[in-house]
C-alpha atoms as a PDB file:
ATOM      1  CA  MET A   1     -51.531  38.922  76.814  1.00  0.00           C
ATOM      2  CA  LEU A   2     -48.243  39.214  78.263  1.00  0.00           C
ATOM      3  CA  ASP A   3     -45.629  41.940  76.917  1.00  0.00           C
ATOM      4  CA  THR A   4     -43.435  41.010  74.037  1.00  0.00           C
ATOM      5  CA  ARG A   5     -40.297  41.453  75.924  1.00  0.00           C
ATOM      6  CA  ILE A   6     -41.414  38.803  78.179  1.00  0.00           C
ATOM      7  CA  ILE A   7     -42.514  36.367  75.644  1.00  0.00           C
ATOM      8  CA  LEU A   8     -39.663  36.643  73.685  1.00  0.00           C
ATOM      9  CA  SER A   9     -37.325  36.507  76.855  1.00  0.00           C
ATOM     10  CA  GLY A  10     -39.038  33.156  77.767  1.00  0.00           C
ATOM     11  CA  LEU A  11     -38.430  32.054  74.447  1.00  0.00           C
ATOM     12  CA  TRP A  12     -34.631  32.544  74.769  1.00  0.00           C
ATOM     13  CA  VAL A  13     -34.518  30.766  78.070  1.00  0.00           C
ATOM     14  CA  ALA A  14     -36.486  27.806  76.609  1.00  0.00           C
ATOM     15  CA  THR A  15     -33.730  27.766  73.730  1.00  0.00           C
ATOM     16  CA  MET A  16     -30.884  27.811  76.457  1.00  0.00           C
ATOM     17  CA  LEU A  17     -32.428  25.209  78.058  1.00  0.00           C
ATOM     18  CA  THR A  18     -33.197  22.927  75.187  1.00  0.00           C
ATOM     19  CA  TYR A  19     -29.375  23.405  74.454  1.00  0.00           C
ATOM     20  CA  LEU A  20     -28.473  22.673  78.493  1.00  0.00           C
ATOM     21  CA  TRP A  21     -30.433  19.597  78.132  1.00  0.00           C
ATOM     22  CA  GLY A  22     -29.400  18.550  74.921  1.00  0.00           C
ATOM     23  CA  ASP A  23     -25.763  18.959  76.536  1.00  0.00           C
ATOM     24  CA  VAL A  24     -26.264  16.669  79.752  1.00  0.00           C
ATOM     25  CA  LEU A  25     -28.077  14.057  77.644  1.00  0.00           C
ATOM     26  CA  ARG A  26     -25.078  14.045  75.248  1.00  0.00           C
ATOM     27  CA  VAL A  27     -22.602  13.190  78.546  1.00  0.00           C
ATOM     28  CA  MET A  28     -25.030  10.844  80.108  1.00  0.00           C
ATOM     29  CA  ALA A  29     -25.062   8.789  76.728  1.00  0.00           C
ATOM     30  CA  GLY A  30     -21.534   8.826  76.557  1.00  0.00           C
ATOM     31  CA  HIS A  31     -21.311  10.575  73.353  1.00  0.00           C
ATOM     32  CA  VAL A  32     -18.372  12.937  74.456  1.00  0.00           C
ATOM     33  CA  THR A  33     -15.355  12.253  75.867  1.00  0.00           C
ATOM     34  CA  PRO A  34     -14.245  15.039  78.280  1.00  0.00           C
ATOM     35  CA  GLY A  35     -11.653  17.301  77.213  1.00  0.00           C
ATOM     36  CA  MET A  36     -12.601  16.326  73.531  1.00  0.00           C
ATOM     37  CA  LEU A  37     -14.403  17.924  70.872  1.00  0.00           C
ATOM     38  CA  SER A  38     -14.527  14.933  69.049  1.00  0.00           C
ATOM     39  CA  GLU A  39     -13.078  11.582  69.358  1.00  0.00           C
ATOM     40  CA  ASP A  40      -9.706  12.854  67.842  1.00  0.00           C
ATOM     41  CA  VAL A  41      -9.980  16.413  68.032  1.00  0.00           C
ATOM     42  CA  PRO A  42      -8.884  17.973  71.458  1.00  0.00           C
ATOM     43  CA  GLY A  43     -10.358  20.989  73.313  1.00  0.00           C
ATOM     44  CA  THR A  44      -8.378  24.132  73.425  1.00  0.00           C
ATOM     45  CA  GLN A  45      -8.829  26.918  75.791  1.00  0.00           C
ATOM     46  CA  THR A  46      -9.533  29.104  72.513  1.00  0.00           C
ATOM     47  CA  ILE A  47     -12.452  26.591  71.365  1.00  0.00           C
ATOM     48  CA  TRP A  48     -13.961  25.802  74.755  1.00  0.00           C
ATOM     49  CA  MET A  49     -14.204  30.386  75.195  1.00  0.00           C
ATOM     50  CA  LEU A  50     -15.806  30.179  71.668  1.00  0.00           C
ATOM     51  CA  ILE A  51     -18.426  27.758  73.140  1.00  0.00           C
ATOM     52  CA  ALA A  52     -18.883  29.378  76.021  1.00  0.00           C
ATOM     53  CA  ALA A  53     -19.422  32.586  73.830  1.00  0.00           C
ATOM     54  CA  ILE A  54     -21.887  30.644  71.880  1.00  0.00           C
ATOM     55  CA  MET A  55     -23.493  29.501  74.633  1.00  0.00           C
ATOM     56  CA  LEU A  56     -24.131  32.946  75.773  1.00  0.00           C
ATOM     57  CA  VAL A  57     -26.098  33.932  73.087  1.00  0.00           C
ATOM     58  CA  PRO A  58     -29.593  33.193  74.825  1.00  0.00           C
ATOM     59  CA  ILE A  59     -28.143  34.785  77.933  1.00  0.00           C
ATOM     60  CA  VAL A  60     -27.857  38.211  76.328  1.00  0.00           C
ATOM     61  CA  MET A  61     -30.674  38.512  74.235  1.00  0.00           C
ATOM     62  CA  VAL A  62     -32.700  37.857  77.453  1.00  0.00           C
ATOM     63  CA  VAL A  63     -30.825  40.784  78.912  1.00  0.00           C
ATOM     64  CA  LEU A  64     -31.356  42.803  75.871  1.00  0.00           C
ATOM     65  CA  ASN A  65     -34.789  42.098  75.367  1.00  0.00           C
ATOM     66  CA  LEU A  66     -35.492  43.860  79.142  1.00  0.00           C
ATOM     67  CA  THR A  67     -32.920  46.497  78.373  1.00  0.00           C
ATOM     68  CA  LEU A  68     -33.005  47.755  74.253  1.00  0.00           C
ATOM     69  CA  LYS A  69     -34.962  50.199  72.913  1.00  0.00           C
ATOM     70  CA  TYR A  70     -37.497  49.419  70.492  1.00  0.00           C
ATOM     71  CA  PRO A  71     -37.202  49.007  67.442  1.00  0.00           C
ATOM     72  CA  ALA A  72     -33.472  48.157  67.866  1.00  0.00           C
ATOM     73  CA  VAL A  73     -34.741  44.755  69.987  1.00  0.00           C
ATOM     74  CA  ARG A  74     -36.950  43.701  67.805  1.00  0.00           C
ATOM     75  CA  TRP A  75     -34.394  43.380  64.685  1.00  0.00           C
ATOM     76  CA  THR A  76     -31.756  42.454  67.354  1.00  0.00           C
ATOM     77  CA  ASN A  77     -33.954  39.090  67.796  1.00  0.00           C
ATOM     78  CA  ILE A  78     -34.979  38.851  64.463  1.00  0.00           C
ATOM     79  CA  ILE A  79     -31.377  38.446  63.159  1.00  0.00           C
ATOM     80  CA  VAL A  80     -29.982  36.964  66.040  1.00  0.00           C
ATOM     81  CA  ALA A  81     -32.374  34.356  65.804  1.00  0.00           C
ATOM     82  CA  ILE A  82     -31.600  33.655  62.077  1.00  0.00           C
ATOM     83  CA  ILE A  83     -28.199  33.209  62.787  1.00  0.00           C
ATOM     84  CA  VAL A  84     -28.413  30.897  65.585  1.00  0.00           C
ATOM     85  CA  ILE A  85     -30.760  28.631  63.312  1.00  0.00           C
ATOM     86  CA  VAL A  86     -28.022  28.871  60.306  1.00  0.00           C
ATOM     87  CA  PHE A  87     -25.255  28.046  62.717  1.00  0.00           C
ATOM     88  CA  ASN A  88     -27.272  25.068  64.284  1.00  0.00           C
ATOM     89  CA  LEU A  89     -28.392  23.784  60.622  1.00  0.00           C
ATOM     90  CA  SER A  90     -24.751  23.812  59.920  1.00  0.00           C
ATOM     91  CA  ALA A  91     -23.767  20.943  62.815  1.00  0.00           C
ATOM     92  CA  LEU A  92     -26.655  18.640  61.547  1.00  0.00           C
ATOM     93  CA  PRO A  93     -26.712  15.541  61.691  1.00  0.00           C
ATOM     94  CA  TYR A  94     -25.668  14.671  65.491  1.00  0.00           C
ATOM     95  CA  LYS A  95     -25.025  11.287  66.722  1.00  0.00           C
ATOM     96  CA  GLY A  96     -27.570  10.863  68.673  1.00  0.00           C
ATOM     97  CA  ALA A  97     -31.475  10.747  67.891  1.00  0.00           C
ATOM     98  CA  TYR A  98     -32.394  12.819  71.044  1.00  0.00           C
ATOM     99  CA  ASP A  99     -30.070  15.354  69.909  1.00  0.00           C
ATOM    100  CA  ASN A 100     -31.610  15.828  66.590  1.00  0.00           C
ATOM    101  CA  PHE A 101     -35.209  16.166  68.034  1.00  0.00           C
ATOM    102  CA  LEU A 102     -33.909  19.119  70.789  1.00  0.00           C
ATOM    103  CA  ILE A 103     -32.330  21.079  68.044  1.00  0.00           C
ATOM    104  CA  VAL A 104     -35.108  20.766  65.750  1.00  0.00           C
ATOM    105  CA  VAL A 105     -37.165  21.946  69.055  1.00  0.00           C
ATOM    106  CA  SER A 106     -34.850  24.892  69.646  1.00  0.00           C
ATOM    107  CA  PHE A 107     -35.517  25.758  65.699  1.00  0.00           C
ATOM    108  CA  VAL A 108     -39.388  25.815  66.547  1.00  0.00           C
ATOM    109  CA  PHE A 109     -38.245  28.083  69.563  1.00  0.00           C
ATOM    110  CA  ASN A 110     -36.133  30.507  67.058  1.00  0.00           C
ATOM    111  CA  ALA A 111     -38.752  30.220  64.535  1.00  0.00           C
ATOM    112  CA  MET A 112     -41.109  31.750  67.487  1.00  0.00           C
ATOM    113  CA  VAL A 113     -38.625  34.322  68.108  1.00  0.00           C
ATOM    114  CA  ILE A 114     -38.748  35.750  64.421  1.00  0.00           C
ATOM    115  CA  TRP A 115     -42.453  35.443  64.410  1.00  0.00           C
ATOM    116  CA  TYR A 116     -43.617  37.328  67.585  1.00  0.00           C
ATOM    117  CA  ALA A 117     -40.607  39.951  66.840  1.00  0.00           C
ATOM    118  CA  TRP A 118     -42.117  40.472  63.128  1.00  0.00           C
ATOM    119  CA  ARG A 119     -45.432  40.877  64.255  1.00  0.00           C
ATOM    120  CA  TRP A 120     -44.251  43.013  67.244  1.00  0.00           C
ATOM    121  CA  VAL A 121     -45.722  46.628  66.763  1.00  0.00           C
ATOM    122  CA  ASP A 122     -44.844  48.945  69.921  1.00  0.00           C
END
């Protein structure tokens, strides 16, 4: 069996790629206008910086999974995955069915993170 740290890292990578695929499809479907958050809300540098920080969460979690000591890494995974789920729930529903599907897939990945971290005994 793979080390739990590797499994959790892989789940965070899968989560990140799911988000990125949703972003790509959103652009390809024409559901976004460059520079705009929505039809009537322009993006600002502050908002883009916040979005960049949010998108870094899965990447940072990969690094933390490989560097933090147990049990801090276990609890970090559980807490961050719950926060990410709550954050994503607050944005539902999205305009496209593909986007709603992908966010549900990310919920499954986050639930798996919680499951593996919860059962993790070092």
